[in-house]
């Protein structure tokens, strides 16, 4: 997942290495199709281009707060972005939307169809989180908005689209986020939202 070798003090050798591309070729994962928004349908966060991209660390709390301020400063822009997300994911099963803050999640959710979404943050209680994740896995909700809570340990093959509404601070974290939408869907016939 990273760009540096893990061979060193703890690991002495690599037994096997398999790439994401190979897993796609073997049929274990679906290929990721990247899309870039039009210039007038994106947040301008160029100040966050300078990071090392190594490991699992994300941007600092201060940087994320600045990102959130940029993302929530123009409701009309957020509305245009979400309307475009709805349009582009009309035929998709499940959409994981990564936001910059809880407020950003709430603002983005304002423009999604009623009953089609849920938000998970680090403040979400266990029972609520469990219900939301079950509803997402079963297709009862289409849009799952989150800040950074669903990068690992979350398996919902119905998620087939990842929308990133903020910059991601490392290659590892990016791969983990994209991985939420690369699993093979084994169930058929979900409830349409």
N, C-alpha and C. Protein backbone atom coordinates (compact mmCIF):
# COMPACT_ATOMS: atom_id res chain seq x y z
N UNK A 1 0.81 -1.20 0.00
CA UNK A 1 0.00 0.00 0.00
C UNK A 1 0.86 1.26 0.00
N UNK A 2 2.06 1.15 0.48
CA UNK A 2 2.91 2.34 0.56
C UNK A 2 3.90 2.40 -0.58
N UNK A 3 4.83 3.31 -0.46
CA UNK A 3 5.84 3.47 -1.50
C UNK A 3 7.24 3.14 -0.99
N UNK A 4 7.37 2.84 0.30
CA UNK A 4 8.66 2.44 0.87
C UNK A 4 8.60 0.97 1.24
N UNK A 5 9.72 0.32 1.15
CA UNK A 5 9.82 -1.09 1.52
C UNK A 5 9.64 -1.26 3.02
N UNK A 6 9.02 -2.35 3.42
CA UNK A 6 8.86 -2.65 4.85
C UNK A 6 9.96 -3.57 5.35
N UNK A 7 10.86 -3.98 4.46
CA UNK A 7 11.97 -4.84 4.86
C UNK A 7 12.93 -4.00 5.70
N UNK A 8 13.31 -4.53 6.85
CA UNK A 8 14.20 -3.78 7.73
C UNK A 8 14.34 -4.46 9.07
N UNK A 9 14.19 -3.70 10.15
CA UNK A 9 14.40 -4.21 11.49
C UNK A 9 13.40 -5.30 11.87
N UNK A 10 12.14 -5.16 11.46
CA UNK A 10 11.11 -6.11 11.87
C UNK A 10 10.89 -7.19 10.82
N UNK A 11 10.69 -6.80 9.56
CA UNK A 11 10.46 -7.76 8.48
C UNK A 11 11.78 -8.05 7.78
N UNK A 12 12.10 -9.32 7.61
CA UNK A 12 13.38 -9.67 7.01
C UNK A 12 13.30 -9.99 5.52
N UNK A 13 12.13 -10.39 5.04
CA UNK A 13 12.00 -10.68 3.61
C UNK A 13 10.55 -10.56 3.17
N UNK A 14 10.38 -10.38 1.88
CA UNK A 14 9.06 -10.34 1.28
C UNK A 14 8.84 -11.69 0.61
N UNK A 15 7.78 -12.37 0.99
CA UNK A 15 7.49 -13.69 0.42
C UNK A 15 6.81 -13.55 -0.94
N UNK A 16 5.88 -12.61 -1.03
CA UNK A 16 5.15 -12.43 -2.28
C UNK A 16 4.59 -11.02 -2.32
N UNK A 17 4.52 -10.44 -3.48
CA UNK A 17 3.97 -9.11 -3.65
C UNK A 17 2.98 -9.15 -4.81
N UNK A 18 1.78 -8.71 -4.55
CA UNK A 18 0.77 -8.69 -5.61
C UNK A 18 0.19 -7.29 -5.70
N UNK A 19 0.11 -6.79 -6.88
CA UNK A 19 -0.37 -5.42 -7.08
C UNK A 19 -1.88 -5.38 -7.22
N UNK A 20 -2.42 -4.19 -7.04
CA UNK A 20 -3.85 -3.99 -7.25
C UNK A 20 -4.21 -4.33 -8.69
N UNK A 21 -3.37 -3.93 -9.63
CA UNK A 21 -3.63 -4.22 -11.05
C UNK A 21 -3.73 -5.72 -11.29
N UNK A 22 -2.86 -6.50 -10.64
CA UNK A 22 -2.90 -7.95 -10.79
C UNK A 22 -4.20 -8.52 -10.21
N UNK A 23 -4.62 -8.00 -9.05
CA UNK A 23 -5.87 -8.46 -8.45
C UNK A 23 -7.07 -8.13 -9.35
N UNK A 24 -7.01 -7.00 -10.04
CA UNK A 24 -8.05 -6.65 -11.01
C UNK A 24 -8.00 -7.65 -12.16
N UNK A 25 -6.80 -7.91 -12.69
CA UNK A 25 -6.65 -8.86 -13.80
C UNK A 25 -7.16 -10.25 -13.45
N UNK A 26 -6.98 -10.66 -12.20
CA UNK A 26 -7.42 -11.99 -11.76
C UNK A 26 -8.91 -12.03 -11.43
N UNK A 27 -9.57 -10.87 -11.44
CA UNK A 27 -11.01 -10.81 -11.18
C UNK A 27 -11.41 -10.72 -9.72
N UNK A 28 -10.45 -10.42 -8.85
CA UNK A 28 -10.76 -10.28 -7.42
C UNK A 28 -11.23 -8.88 -7.06
N UNK A 29 -10.87 -7.90 -7.88
CA UNK A 29 -11.27 -6.51 -7.67
C UNK A 29 -11.77 -5.93 -8.99
N UNK A 30 -12.62 -4.92 -8.89
CA UNK A 30 -13.04 -4.21 -10.09
C UNK A 30 -12.07 -3.05 -10.30
N UNK A 31 -11.84 -2.67 -11.56
CA UNK A 31 -10.90 -1.57 -11.80
C UNK A 31 -11.48 -0.23 -11.33
N UNK A 32 -10.60 0.63 -10.89
CA UNK A 32 -11.00 1.98 -10.49
C UNK A 32 -11.00 2.86 -11.73
N UNK A 33 -12.09 3.57 -11.93
CA UNK A 33 -12.18 4.53 -13.02
C UNK A 33 -12.18 5.91 -12.37
N UNK A 34 -11.16 6.68 -12.67
CA UNK A 34 -11.03 8.00 -12.07
C UNK A 34 -11.76 9.03 -12.92
N UNK A 35 -12.35 9.99 -12.26
CA UNK A 35 -13.01 11.08 -12.95
C UNK A 35 -12.61 12.39 -12.31
N UNK A 36 -12.41 13.38 -13.11
CA UNK A 36 -12.06 14.69 -12.59
C UNK A 36 -13.21 15.63 -12.88
N UNK A 37 -13.58 16.41 -11.89
CA UNK A 37 -14.71 17.33 -12.08
C UNK A 37 -14.31 18.51 -12.97
N UNK A 38 -15.31 19.16 -13.47
CA UNK A 38 -15.07 20.42 -14.18
C UNK A 38 -14.51 21.42 -13.18
N UNK A 39 -13.77 22.38 -13.67
CA UNK A 39 -13.13 23.35 -12.79
C UNK A 39 -14.13 24.09 -11.91
N UNK A 40 -15.34 24.35 -12.43
CA UNK A 40 -16.32 25.08 -11.63
C UNK A 40 -17.11 24.17 -10.69
N UNK A 41 -16.74 22.87 -10.64
CA UNK A 41 -17.42 21.92 -9.76
C UNK A 41 -16.43 21.24 -8.82
N UNK A 42 -15.50 22.02 -8.30
CA UNK A 42 -14.57 21.46 -7.34
C UNK A 42 -14.10 22.54 -6.37
N UNK A 43 -13.69 22.07 -5.18
CA UNK A 43 -13.12 22.98 -4.20
C UNK A 43 -11.66 23.21 -4.59
N UNK A 44 -11.21 24.40 -4.43
CA UNK A 44 -9.82 24.71 -4.77
C UNK A 44 -8.97 24.63 -3.51
N UNK A 45 -8.26 23.50 -3.40
CA UNK A 45 -7.46 23.21 -2.21
C UNK A 45 -5.98 23.01 -2.58
N UNK A 46 -5.51 23.82 -3.52
CA UNK A 46 -4.14 23.67 -4.00
C UNK A 46 -3.10 23.82 -2.91
N UNK A 47 -3.42 24.55 -1.84
CA UNK A 47 -2.45 24.75 -0.76
C UNK A 47 -2.09 23.43 -0.06
N UNK A 48 -2.86 22.38 -0.31
CA UNK A 48 -2.62 21.10 0.35
C UNK A 48 -1.92 20.10 -0.58
N UNK A 49 -1.22 20.60 -1.57
CA UNK A 49 -0.50 19.73 -2.50
C UNK A 49 0.83 19.24 -1.94
N UNK A 50 1.38 19.94 -0.96
CA UNK A 50 2.71 19.64 -0.47
C UNK A 50 2.65 18.71 0.74
N UNK A 51 2.76 17.39 0.49
CA UNK A 51 2.82 16.41 1.57
C UNK A 51 3.67 15.26 1.09
N UNK A 52 4.17 14.45 2.03
CA UNK A 52 5.08 13.38 1.62
C UNK A 52 4.37 12.17 1.04
N UNK A 53 3.08 12.00 1.34
CA UNK A 53 2.32 10.91 0.75
C UNK A 53 2.68 9.53 1.25
N UNK A 54 3.54 9.44 2.23
CA UNK A 54 4.02 8.15 2.72
C UNK A 54 3.22 7.73 3.94
N UNK A 55 3.02 6.44 4.10
CA UNK A 55 2.41 5.90 5.31
C UNK A 55 0.91 6.10 5.39
N UNK A 56 0.39 5.99 6.60
CA UNK A 56 -1.05 6.06 6.84
C UNK A 56 -1.51 7.40 7.36
N UNK A 57 -0.59 8.30 7.64
CA UNK A 57 -0.99 9.56 8.25
C UNK A 57 -1.72 10.44 7.24
N UNK A 58 -2.65 11.20 7.77
CA UNK A 58 -3.42 12.12 6.95
C UNK A 58 -2.92 13.53 7.24
N UNK A 59 -3.60 14.51 6.73
CA UNK A 59 -3.25 15.88 7.05
C UNK A 59 -3.47 16.12 8.54
N UNK A 60 -2.83 17.15 9.07
CA UNK A 60 -2.96 17.48 10.49
C UNK A 60 -4.37 18.01 10.76
N UNK A 61 -4.74 18.06 12.04
CA UNK A 61 -6.05 18.58 12.43
C UNK A 61 -6.20 20.03 11.96
N UNK A 62 -5.13 20.80 12.05
CA UNK A 62 -5.17 22.20 11.60
C UNK A 62 -5.40 22.28 10.09
N UNK A 63 -4.71 21.45 9.33
CA UNK A 63 -4.90 21.44 7.88
C UNK A 63 -6.31 20.99 7.51
N UNK A 64 -6.82 19.96 8.19
CA UNK A 64 -8.18 19.50 7.92
C UNK A 64 -9.20 20.59 8.25
N UNK A 65 -8.95 21.34 9.30
CA UNK A 65 -9.85 22.45 9.65
C UNK A 65 -9.85 23.51 8.55
N UNK A 66 -8.67 23.82 8.00
CA UNK A 66 -8.60 24.78 6.89
C UNK A 66 -9.32 24.24 5.66
N UNK A 67 -9.14 22.93 5.39
CA UNK A 67 -9.84 22.29 4.28
C UNK A 67 -11.34 22.40 4.45
N UNK A 68 -11.81 22.13 5.67
CA UNK A 68 -13.24 22.18 5.96
C UNK A 68 -13.78 23.59 5.76
N UNK A 69 -13.00 24.59 6.14
CA UNK A 69 -13.43 25.98 5.96
C UNK A 69 -13.59 26.29 4.47
N UNK A 70 -12.65 25.84 3.66
CA UNK A 70 -12.75 26.04 2.21
C UNK A 70 -13.99 25.33 1.67
N UNK A 71 -14.17 24.08 2.09
CA UNK A 71 -15.25 23.26 1.55
C UNK A 71 -16.64 23.77 1.94
N UNK A 72 -16.76 24.37 3.11
CA UNK A 72 -18.09 24.81 3.56
C UNK A 72 -18.35 26.29 3.32
N UNK A 73 -17.40 26.98 2.74
CA UNK A 73 -17.55 28.44 2.57
C UNK A 73 -18.52 28.82 1.46
N UNK A 74 -18.80 27.90 0.55
CA UNK A 74 -19.67 28.22 -0.59
C UNK A 74 -20.72 27.11 -0.75
N UNK A 75 -21.89 27.30 -0.16
CA UNK A 75 -22.97 26.30 -0.22
C UNK A 75 -23.39 26.02 -1.65
N UNK A 76 -23.37 27.06 -2.49
CA UNK A 76 -23.78 26.88 -3.89
C UNK A 76 -22.82 25.94 -4.61
N UNK A 77 -21.54 26.07 -4.33
CA UNK A 77 -20.56 25.17 -4.92
C UNK A 77 -20.78 23.74 -4.43
N UNK A 78 -21.01 23.58 -3.13
CA UNK A 78 -21.30 22.25 -2.59
C UNK A 78 -22.53 21.67 -3.26
N UNK A 79 -23.55 22.49 -3.45
CA UNK A 79 -24.77 22.03 -4.11
C UNK A 79 -24.48 21.56 -5.53
N UNK A 80 -23.70 22.35 -6.30
CA UNK A 80 -23.36 21.95 -7.68
C UNK A 80 -22.59 20.62 -7.69
N UNK A 81 -21.65 20.48 -6.74
CA UNK A 81 -20.86 19.25 -6.67
C UNK A 81 -21.77 18.06 -6.38
N UNK A 82 -22.64 18.19 -5.39
CA UNK A 82 -23.52 17.08 -5.01
C UNK A 82 -24.52 16.76 -6.12
N UNK A 83 -25.03 17.77 -6.80
CA UNK A 83 -25.94 17.52 -7.93
C UNK A 83 -25.22 16.73 -9.03
N UNK A 84 -23.95 17.05 -9.23
CA UNK A 84 -23.14 16.30 -10.22
C UNK A 84 -22.90 14.87 -9.73
N UNK A 85 -22.64 14.70 -8.44
CA UNK A 85 -22.45 13.35 -7.88
C UNK A 85 -23.72 12.53 -8.09
N UNK A 86 -24.89 13.12 -7.81
CA UNK A 86 -26.16 12.41 -8.00
C UNK A 86 -26.32 12.00 -9.46
N UNK A 87 -26.01 12.93 -10.36
CA UNK A 87 -26.13 12.64 -11.80
C UNK A 87 -25.19 11.50 -12.22
N UNK A 88 -23.95 11.58 -11.79
CA UNK A 88 -22.96 10.58 -12.22
C UNK A 88 -23.15 9.22 -11.55
N UNK A 89 -23.85 9.17 -10.43
CA UNK A 89 -24.02 7.90 -9.71
C UNK A 89 -25.44 7.37 -9.79
N UNK A 90 -26.21 7.91 -10.69
CA UNK A 90 -27.61 7.49 -10.83
C UNK A 90 -27.74 5.97 -10.97
N UNK A 91 -26.85 5.35 -11.71
CA UNK A 91 -26.91 3.90 -11.94
C UNK A 91 -25.97 3.11 -11.03
N UNK A 92 -25.41 3.75 -10.04
CA UNK A 92 -24.48 3.08 -9.13
C UNK A 92 -25.26 2.52 -7.94
N UNK A 93 -24.66 1.58 -7.23
CA UNK A 93 -25.31 0.92 -6.10
C UNK A 93 -25.14 1.67 -4.78
N UNK A 94 -23.90 1.95 -4.43
CA UNK A 94 -23.61 2.61 -3.16
C UNK A 94 -22.47 3.59 -3.34
N UNK A 95 -22.56 4.73 -2.67
CA UNK A 95 -21.60 5.81 -2.85
C UNK A 95 -21.03 6.20 -1.48
N UNK A 96 -19.71 6.11 -1.34
CA UNK A 96 -19.02 6.54 -0.13
C UNK A 96 -18.45 7.93 -0.40
N UNK A 97 -18.90 8.92 0.36
CA UNK A 97 -18.47 10.30 0.17
C UNK A 97 -17.60 10.71 1.35
N UNK A 98 -16.36 11.05 1.08
CA UNK A 98 -15.42 11.48 2.12
C UNK A 98 -15.37 13.00 2.14
N UNK A 99 -15.69 13.56 3.30
CA UNK A 99 -15.76 15.01 3.47
C UNK A 99 -14.63 15.50 4.36
N UNK A 100 -14.56 16.81 4.52
CA UNK A 100 -13.49 17.43 5.30
C UNK A 100 -13.83 17.59 6.78
N UNK A 101 -15.12 17.59 7.13
CA UNK A 101 -15.52 17.77 8.52
C UNK A 101 -16.96 17.31 8.69
N UNK A 102 -17.41 17.24 9.93
CA UNK A 102 -18.80 16.88 10.19
C UNK A 102 -19.73 17.92 9.57
N UNK A 103 -19.39 19.19 9.72
CA UNK A 103 -20.20 20.24 9.12
C UNK A 103 -20.26 20.09 7.59
N UNK A 104 -19.15 19.72 7.00
CA UNK A 104 -19.10 19.51 5.55
C UNK A 104 -20.01 18.35 5.16
N UNK A 105 -19.99 17.25 5.95
CA UNK A 105 -20.91 16.12 5.70
C UNK A 105 -22.36 16.60 5.74
N UNK A 106 -22.68 17.38 6.75
CA UNK A 106 -24.06 17.85 6.91
C UNK A 106 -24.46 18.77 5.76
N UNK A 107 -23.54 19.63 5.34
CA UNK A 107 -23.85 20.53 4.23
C UNK A 107 -24.06 19.75 2.94
N UNK A 108 -23.20 18.79 2.66
CA UNK A 108 -23.35 17.98 1.45
C UNK A 108 -24.65 17.18 1.48
N UNK A 109 -25.01 16.65 2.65
CA UNK A 109 -26.23 15.84 2.79
C UNK A 109 -27.50 16.64 2.52
N UNK A 110 -27.45 17.96 2.75
CA UNK A 110 -28.62 18.81 2.49
C UNK A 110 -29.12 18.68 1.06
N UNK A 111 -28.23 18.34 0.14
CA UNK A 111 -28.58 18.33 -1.28
C UNK A 111 -28.83 16.93 -1.83
N UNK A 112 -28.74 15.92 -0.96
CA UNK A 112 -29.03 14.55 -1.36
C UNK A 112 -30.52 14.26 -1.15
N UNK A 113 -31.08 13.32 -1.91
CA UNK A 113 -32.50 13.00 -1.73
C UNK A 113 -32.79 12.51 -0.31
N UNK A 114 -33.93 12.94 0.25
CA UNK A 114 -34.34 12.53 1.59
C UNK A 114 -34.36 11.01 1.69
N UNK A 115 -33.85 10.51 2.82
CA UNK A 115 -33.87 9.07 3.08
C UNK A 115 -32.82 8.26 2.34
N UNK A 116 -31.97 8.93 1.54
CA UNK A 116 -30.99 8.19 0.73
C UNK A 116 -29.59 8.20 1.32
N UNK A 117 -29.41 8.85 2.47
CA UNK A 117 -28.06 9.04 2.99
C UNK A 117 -27.99 8.88 4.50
N UNK A 118 -26.75 8.72 4.96
CA UNK A 118 -26.45 8.72 6.39
C UNK A 118 -25.02 9.24 6.56
N UNK A 119 -24.75 9.75 7.76
CA UNK A 119 -23.43 10.29 8.08
C UNK A 119 -22.82 9.46 9.20
N UNK A 120 -21.54 9.13 9.03
CA UNK A 120 -20.78 8.46 10.10
C UNK A 120 -19.55 9.31 10.40
N UNK A 121 -19.41 9.67 11.67
CA UNK A 121 -18.22 10.39 12.12
C UNK A 121 -17.69 9.68 13.35
N UNK A 122 -16.62 10.20 13.90
CA UNK A 122 -16.08 9.59 15.12
C UNK A 122 -17.02 9.81 16.31
N UNK A 123 -18.00 10.68 16.16
CA UNK A 123 -19.00 10.91 17.22
C UNK A 123 -20.19 9.96 17.13
N UNK A 124 -20.30 9.21 16.06
CA UNK A 124 -21.44 8.31 15.87
C UNK A 124 -21.37 7.16 16.86
N UNK A 125 -22.42 6.98 17.64
CA UNK A 125 -22.46 5.92 18.63
C UNK A 125 -22.49 4.53 18.00
N UNK A 126 -22.15 3.53 18.80
CA UNK A 126 -22.04 2.16 18.31
C UNK A 126 -23.33 1.66 17.67
N UNK A 127 -24.47 1.82 18.35
CA UNK A 127 -25.74 1.30 17.82
C UNK A 127 -26.13 2.00 16.53
N UNK A 128 -25.97 3.31 16.50
CA UNK A 128 -26.30 4.07 15.29
C UNK A 128 -25.38 3.66 14.15
N UNK A 129 -24.08 3.56 14.44
CA UNK A 129 -23.10 3.17 13.43
C UNK A 129 -23.45 1.80 12.86
N UNK A 130 -23.76 0.86 13.74
CA UNK A 130 -24.09 -0.50 13.30
C UNK A 130 -25.31 -0.49 12.38
N UNK A 131 -26.35 0.27 12.76
CA UNK A 131 -27.56 0.34 11.94
C UNK A 131 -27.27 0.99 10.59
N UNK A 132 -26.53 2.09 10.60
CA UNK A 132 -26.20 2.78 9.35
C UNK A 132 -25.41 1.87 8.42
N UNK A 133 -24.40 1.18 8.97
CA UNK A 133 -23.59 0.30 8.13
C UNK A 133 -24.40 -0.88 7.60
N UNK A 134 -25.30 -1.41 8.41
CA UNK A 134 -26.18 -2.49 7.94
C UNK A 134 -27.09 -1.97 6.83
N UNK A 135 -27.66 -0.79 7.02
CA UNK A 135 -28.53 -0.20 5.99
C UNK A 135 -27.75 0.07 4.70
N UNK A 136 -26.51 0.52 4.82
CA UNK A 136 -25.68 0.75 3.64
C UNK A 136 -25.37 -0.56 2.92
N UNK A 137 -25.00 -1.59 3.68
CA UNK A 137 -24.67 -2.89 3.09
C UNK A 137 -25.88 -3.52 2.41
N UNK A 138 -27.07 -3.26 2.95
CA UNK A 138 -28.29 -3.84 2.38
C UNK A 138 -28.92 -2.96 1.31
N UNK A 139 -28.32 -1.82 1.00
CA UNK A 139 -28.84 -0.95 -0.04
C UNK A 139 -30.01 -0.08 0.37
N UNK A 140 -30.29 0.00 1.66
CA UNK A 140 -31.39 0.86 2.12
C UNK A 140 -31.02 2.33 2.02
N UNK A 141 -29.73 2.63 2.14
CA UNK A 141 -29.25 3.98 1.89
C UNK A 141 -28.18 3.90 0.81
N UNK A 142 -28.16 4.88 -0.04
CA UNK A 142 -27.22 4.87 -1.17
C UNK A 142 -25.95 5.67 -0.87
N UNK A 143 -26.11 6.79 -0.19
CA UNK A 143 -24.99 7.70 0.04
C UNK A 143 -24.55 7.63 1.50
N UNK A 144 -23.29 7.29 1.70
CA UNK A 144 -22.72 7.19 3.03
C UNK A 144 -21.63 8.24 3.14
N UNK A 145 -21.89 9.27 3.93
CA UNK A 145 -20.94 10.37 4.09
C UNK A 145 -20.10 10.11 5.34
N UNK A 146 -18.79 10.39 5.25
CA UNK A 146 -17.90 10.14 6.38
C UNK A 146 -16.72 11.08 6.31
N UNK A 147 -16.00 11.15 7.42
CA UNK A 147 -14.82 12.01 7.49
C UNK A 147 -13.54 11.19 7.33
N UNK A 148 -13.39 10.16 8.09
CA UNK A 148 -12.20 9.32 8.02
C UNK A 148 -12.40 8.06 8.82
N UNK A 149 -13.65 7.68 8.98
CA UNK A 149 -13.99 6.56 9.85
C UNK A 149 -14.09 5.23 9.11
N UNK A 150 -14.20 5.27 7.81
CA UNK A 150 -14.48 4.04 7.05
C UNK A 150 -13.38 3.74 6.04
N UNK A 151 -12.14 3.85 6.49
CA UNK A 151 -11.03 3.57 5.58
C UNK A 151 -10.54 2.13 5.70
N UNK A 152 -10.60 1.56 6.89
CA UNK A 152 -10.20 0.17 7.08
C UNK A 152 -11.25 -0.54 7.93
N UNK A 153 -11.30 -1.85 7.82
CA UNK A 153 -12.19 -2.64 8.65
C UNK A 153 -13.65 -2.48 8.29
N UNK A 154 -13.94 -1.97 7.13
CA UNK A 154 -15.31 -1.76 6.68
C UNK A 154 -15.47 -2.44 5.33
N UNK A 155 -16.35 -3.41 5.25
CA UNK A 155 -16.55 -4.15 4.02
C UNK A 155 -18.02 -4.08 3.61
N UNK A 156 -18.30 -3.38 2.56
CA UNK A 156 -19.65 -3.28 2.01
C UNK A 156 -19.52 -3.33 0.50
N UNK A 157 -19.52 -4.54 -0.08
CA UNK A 157 -19.33 -4.66 -1.53
C UNK A 157 -20.32 -3.86 -2.37
N UNK A 158 -21.44 -3.46 -1.79
CA UNK A 158 -22.42 -2.65 -2.53
C UNK A 158 -21.86 -1.26 -2.86
N UNK A 159 -20.85 -0.81 -2.08
CA UNK A 159 -20.21 0.48 -2.38
C UNK A 159 -19.39 0.30 -3.65
N UNK A 160 -19.79 1.01 -4.68
CA UNK A 160 -19.06 0.90 -5.95
C UNK A 160 -18.55 2.25 -6.45
N UNK A 161 -18.70 3.27 -5.62
CA UNK A 161 -18.23 4.59 -6.00
C UNK A 161 -17.67 5.30 -4.77
N UNK A 162 -16.49 5.88 -4.93
CA UNK A 162 -15.88 6.69 -3.87
C UNK A 162 -15.80 8.13 -4.38
N UNK A 163 -16.32 9.04 -3.59
CA UNK A 163 -16.27 10.46 -3.92
C UNK A 163 -15.42 11.14 -2.86
N UNK A 164 -14.37 11.81 -3.29
CA UNK A 164 -13.47 12.48 -2.36
C UNK A 164 -13.70 13.98 -2.47
N UNK A 165 -14.26 14.57 -1.43
CA UNK A 165 -14.54 16.00 -1.41
C UNK A 165 -13.48 16.76 -0.62
N UNK A 166 -12.34 16.14 -0.43
CA UNK A 166 -11.21 16.80 0.22
C UNK A 166 -9.93 16.12 -0.25
N UNK A 167 -8.81 16.74 0.04
CA UNK A 167 -7.52 16.13 -0.29
C UNK A 167 -7.23 15.01 0.69
N UNK A 168 -6.52 14.00 0.22
CA UNK A 168 -6.14 12.86 1.04
C UNK A 168 -4.63 12.95 1.29
N UNK A 169 -4.22 12.70 2.53
CA UNK A 169 -2.85 12.97 2.94
C UNK A 169 -1.81 11.91 2.69
N UNK A 170 -2.19 10.74 2.17
CA UNK A 170 -1.17 9.72 1.91
C UNK A 170 -1.66 8.74 0.87
N UNK A 171 -0.72 8.13 0.20
CA UNK A 171 -1.05 7.11 -0.80
C UNK A 171 -1.76 5.93 -0.13
N UNK A 172 -1.31 5.53 1.05
CA UNK A 172 -1.92 4.41 1.75
C UNK A 172 -3.38 4.69 2.04
N UNK A 173 -3.68 5.86 2.57
CA UNK A 173 -5.05 6.23 2.88
C UNK A 173 -5.90 6.30 1.62
N UNK A 174 -5.34 6.83 0.54
CA UNK A 174 -6.07 6.89 -0.73
C UNK A 174 -6.41 5.49 -1.22
N UNK A 175 -5.45 4.59 -1.19
CA UNK A 175 -5.69 3.21 -1.63
C UNK A 175 -6.75 2.55 -0.77
N UNK A 176 -6.71 2.78 0.54
CA UNK A 176 -7.71 2.20 1.43
C UNK A 176 -9.10 2.74 1.12
N UNK A 177 -9.21 4.04 0.88
CA UNK A 177 -10.50 4.63 0.54
C UNK A 177 -11.03 4.09 -0.79
N UNK A 178 -10.18 4.06 -1.78
CA UNK A 178 -10.61 3.54 -3.08
C UNK A 178 -10.96 2.06 -3.00
N UNK A 179 -10.29 1.35 -2.11
CA UNK A 179 -10.56 -0.07 -1.93
C UNK A 179 -11.98 -0.36 -1.47
N UNK A 180 -12.61 0.61 -0.80
CA UNK A 180 -14.00 0.40 -0.37
C UNK A 180 -14.91 0.19 -1.58
N UNK A 181 -14.55 0.73 -2.72
CA UNK A 181 -15.39 0.61 -3.92
C UNK A 181 -14.88 -0.38 -4.94
N UNK A 182 -13.85 -1.15 -4.62
CA UNK A 182 -13.27 -2.08 -5.60
C UNK A 182 -13.63 -3.53 -5.36
N UNK A 183 -14.40 -3.82 -4.33
CA UNK A 183 -14.76 -5.20 -4.06
C UNK A 183 -15.81 -5.70 -5.05
N UNK A 184 -15.81 -6.98 -5.28
CA UNK A 184 -16.77 -7.59 -6.19
C UNK A 184 -18.11 -7.70 -5.48
N UNK A 185 -19.18 -7.25 -6.13
CA UNK A 185 -20.52 -7.33 -5.57
C UNK A 185 -21.09 -8.72 -5.85
N UNK A 186 -21.43 -9.44 -4.78
CA UNK A 186 -21.93 -10.81 -4.92
C UNK A 186 -23.43 -10.91 -4.74
N UNK A 187 -24.06 -9.84 -4.28
CA UNK A 187 -25.50 -9.89 -4.09
C UNK A 187 -26.19 -9.29 -5.32
N UNK A 188 -27.41 -9.71 -5.52
CA UNK A 188 -28.17 -9.24 -6.68
C UNK A 188 -29.49 -8.66 -6.20
N UNK A 189 -29.94 -7.59 -6.82
CA UNK A 189 -31.26 -7.05 -6.55
C UNK A 189 -31.37 -6.25 -5.27
N UNK A 190 -30.75 -5.09 -5.24
CA UNK A 190 -30.87 -4.23 -4.07
C UNK A 190 -32.07 -3.31 -4.24
N UNK A 191 -32.56 -2.81 -3.13
CA UNK A 191 -33.65 -1.84 -3.18
C UNK A 191 -33.11 -0.55 -3.78
N UNK A 192 -33.77 -0.01 -4.77
CA UNK A 192 -33.32 1.23 -5.41
C UNK A 192 -33.72 2.42 -4.57
N UNK A 193 -32.77 3.32 -4.40
CA UNK A 193 -33.00 4.52 -3.59
C UNK A 193 -33.19 5.69 -4.53
